[in-house]
Amino acid sequence: MARIEDLPQPTRDAVLSIPCPAFETTPFVSGPPLAQRRVAIVSSAALIRRGDKPFAFGSGECRFVAADTPAADLLLSHVSINFDRAGWQRDINVVFPIDRLRDLAGMGEIGGVAETHYTVMGSTDPAEMAAAVDQIEGQLRQERIDSVLLSPV
């Protein structure tokens, strides 16, 4: 992880100028126990299937990733000077912990693994991602997913 002082000046200025929202209330979440929840992954690794068009820099889109997609078919198209790809190259679970979710489901720690997971381009202005958030939310509701594992890159 890069420190702000290690970033080139234009990038540092851009990062420091992003507004940070203030939240007036504390969220309260209720629902079934974890052992009864179906879990989906939302990763900011900009994952694509081999042969698909990579995410554009700053893209606000999302892509769906089927849970049964073979790891060898996924590529990482995230662009950032702050991201070391060595971990990803050794183990997909660094950015897309699908095998760990399967392990947890097998042990009964979670109720199950979603059929669809989601990926976006990290290092994107959140204001550009409203449509993607709505798309992800709609699919989560359609599949009756109880919980999301956020995997930021």
Protein backbone atom coordinates (compact mmCIF):
# COMPACT_ATOMS: atom_id res chain seq x y z
CA MET A 1 0.00 0.00 0.00
CA ALA A 2 1.42 3.33 -1.02
CA ARG A 3 1.50 6.23 1.40
CA ILE A 4 0.08 9.55 0.24
CA GLU A 5 3.56 11.10 0.31
CA ASP A 6 4.82 8.37 -2.06
CA LEU A 7 2.30 9.23 -4.80
CA PRO A 8 3.24 11.48 -7.72
CA GLN A 9 2.02 15.03 -7.15
CA PRO A 10 -0.89 14.98 -9.65
CA THR A 11 -2.23 11.73 -8.16
CA ARG A 12 -1.72 12.99 -4.61
CA ASP A 13 -3.65 16.19 -5.40
CA ALA A 14 -6.49 14.21 -6.99
CA VAL A 15 -6.76 11.84 -4.01
CA LEU A 16 -6.67 14.64 -1.47
CA SER A 17 -9.41 16.57 -3.30
CA ILE A 18 -11.97 13.73 -3.18
CA PRO A 19 -14.72 14.71 -0.74
CA CYS A 20 -15.27 12.38 2.19
CA PRO A 21 -18.94 11.97 3.06
CA ALA A 22 -20.22 12.54 6.58
CA PHE A 23 -22.81 10.10 7.85
CA GLU A 24 -25.35 11.47 10.27
CA THR A 25 -26.56 8.09 11.53
CA THR A 26 -25.10 4.74 12.46
CA PRO A 27 -26.34 1.93 10.22
CA PHE A 28 -28.14 -0.91 11.91
CA VAL A 29 -28.19 -4.23 10.14
CA SER A 30 -30.25 -7.19 11.14
CA GLY A 31 -30.95 -10.48 9.52
CA PRO A 32 -30.43 -14.18 9.82
CA PRO A 33 -27.34 -15.66 11.47
CA LEU A 34 -24.26 -15.87 9.25
CA ALA A 35 -24.69 -19.63 8.98
CA GLN A 36 -27.95 -18.97 7.11
CA ARG A 37 -26.72 -16.20 4.80
CA ARG A 38 -25.80 -16.46 1.14
CA VAL A 39 -22.73 -14.37 0.38
CA ALA A 40 -21.59 -12.59 -2.80
CA ILE A 41 -18.23 -10.96 -3.50
CA VAL A 42 -17.82 -7.37 -4.67
CA SER A 43 -14.21 -6.84 -5.78
CA SER A 44 -12.62 -3.64 -7.05
CA ALA A 45 -10.01 -5.64 -9.00
CA ALA A 46 -11.69 -4.97 -12.38
CA LEU A 47 -11.77 -8.69 -13.15
CA ILE A 48 -12.56 -9.74 -16.70
CA ARG A 49 -12.95 -13.07 -18.43
CA ARG A 50 -10.13 -13.93 -20.80
CA GLY A 51 -10.99 -12.33 -24.14
CA ASP A 52 -13.27 -9.62 -22.69
CA LYS A 53 -12.50 -5.94 -23.12
CA PRO A 54 -10.58 -4.60 -20.09
CA PHE A 55 -12.13 -1.95 -17.87
CA ALA A 56 -11.22 1.57 -18.95
CA PHE A 57 -9.36 3.75 -16.47
CA GLY A 58 -11.91 5.46 -14.24
CA SER A 59 -14.76 3.33 -15.56
CA GLY A 60 -17.87 3.35 -13.39
CA GLU A 61 -19.22 0.08 -14.83
CA CYS A 62 -19.57 -3.25 -13.10
CA ARG A 63 -19.21 -6.74 -14.48
CA PHE A 64 -20.85 -9.91 -13.26
CA VAL A 65 -18.68 -12.95 -12.52
CA ALA A 66 -20.35 -16.36 -12.38
CA ALA A 67 -19.29 -18.35 -9.33
CA ASP A 68 -18.33 -21.30 -11.53
CA THR A 69 -15.92 -19.26 -13.69
CA PRO A 70 -12.57 -21.12 -13.68
CA ALA A 71 -9.78 -19.09 -12.07
CA ALA A 72 -7.65 -19.55 -15.19
CA ASP A 73 -10.32 -17.66 -17.18
CA LEU A 74 -10.15 -14.53 -15.01
CA LEU A 75 -7.75 -11.68 -15.65
CA LEU A 76 -7.16 -8.59 -13.55
CA SER A 77 -7.53 -5.33 -15.48
CA HIS A 78 -7.21 -2.99 -12.47
CA VAL A 79 -4.88 -0.08 -13.18
CA SER A 80 -3.13 1.63 -10.30
CA ILE A 81 0.43 2.44 -9.37
CA ASN A 82 -0.49 1.39 -5.83
CA PHE A 83 -1.32 -2.24 -6.53
CA ASP A 84 1.21 -5.06 -6.35
CA ARG A 85 -0.03 -7.92 -8.55
CA ALA A 86 2.30 -10.56 -7.09
CA GLY A 87 -0.30 -11.88 -4.62
CA TRP A 88 -2.97 -12.13 -7.34
CA GLN A 89 -0.59 -14.05 -9.57
CA ARG A 90 -0.06 -16.62 -6.83
CA ASP A 91 -3.61 -16.89 -5.53
CA ILE A 92 -6.84 -15.51 -7.02
CA ASN A 93 -8.32 -15.42 -3.51
CA VAL A 94 -6.24 -12.32 -2.74
CA VAL A 95 -8.71 -10.23 -4.77
CA PHE A 96 -11.56 -12.68 -5.38
CA PRO A 97 -11.86 -14.98 -2.32
CA ILE A 98 -14.22 -17.47 -3.93
CA ASP A 99 -12.39 -20.55 -2.63
CA ARG A 100 -12.47 -19.18 0.93
CA LEU A 101 -16.25 -18.62 0.66
CA ARG A 102 -16.67 -22.18 -0.59
CA ASP A 103 -14.62 -23.40 2.38
CA LEU A 104 -16.81 -21.42 4.79
CA ALA A 105 -19.98 -22.78 3.18
CA GLY A 106 -18.61 -26.32 3.37
CA MET A 107 -17.93 -25.88 7.10
CA GLY A 108 -21.40 -24.45 7.67
CA GLU A 109 -20.04 -21.05 8.73
CA ILE A 110 -22.09 -19.36 5.99
CA GLY A 111 -25.30 -20.56 4.41
CA GLY A 112 -24.01 -20.58 0.85
CA VAL A 113 -22.14 -18.85 -1.95
CA ALA A 114 -23.94 -16.65 -4.45
CA GLU A 115 -24.16 -17.74 -8.08
CA THR A 116 -23.11 -14.27 -9.24
CA HIS A 117 -20.32 -12.01 -7.97
CA TYR A 118 -19.40 -8.47 -8.98
CA THR A 119 -16.33 -6.54 -9.96
CA VAL A 120 -15.65 -2.86 -10.53
CA MET A 121 -12.61 -0.75 -11.28
CA GLY A 122 -11.01 0.49 -8.10
CA SER A 123 -9.48 3.98 -8.23
CA THR A 124 -12.73 5.30 -9.75
CA ASP A 125 -14.56 8.38 -8.55
CA PRO A 126 -17.49 7.00 -6.52
CA ALA A 127 -19.80 9.56 -8.15
CA GLU A 128 -19.27 7.69 -11.44
CA MET A 129 -20.46 4.40 -9.98
CA ALA A 130 -24.13 5.12 -9.16
CA ALA A 131 -25.48 3.10 -12.09
CA ALA A 132 -23.19 0.16 -11.23
CA VAL A 133 -24.35 0.24 -7.61
CA ASP A 134 -27.98 0.13 -8.73
CA GLN A 135 -27.21 -2.74 -11.09
CA ILE A 136 -25.43 -4.72 -8.36
CA GLU A 137 -28.20 -4.04 -5.86
CA GLY A 138 -30.85 -5.24 -8.29
CA GLN A 139 -29.02 -8.48 -8.98
CA LEU A 140 -28.39 -9.08 -5.26
CA ARG A 141 -32.10 -8.67 -4.57
CA GLN A 142 -33.05 -10.91 -7.48
CA GLU A 143 -30.76 -13.69 -6.21
CA ARG A 144 -31.84 -13.09 -2.59
CA ILE A 145 -28.30 -12.53 -1.35
CA ASP A 146 -28.08 -11.73 2.38
CA SER A 147 -24.49 -10.54 2.66
CA VAL A 148 -21.65 -9.13 0.59
CA LEU A 149 -17.94 -9.61 1.10
CA LEU A 150 -16.15 -6.46 -0.06
CA SER A 151 -12.72 -7.16 -1.53
CA PRO A 152 -11.07 -3.79 -2.13
CA VAL A 153 -7.96 -3.55 -4.26
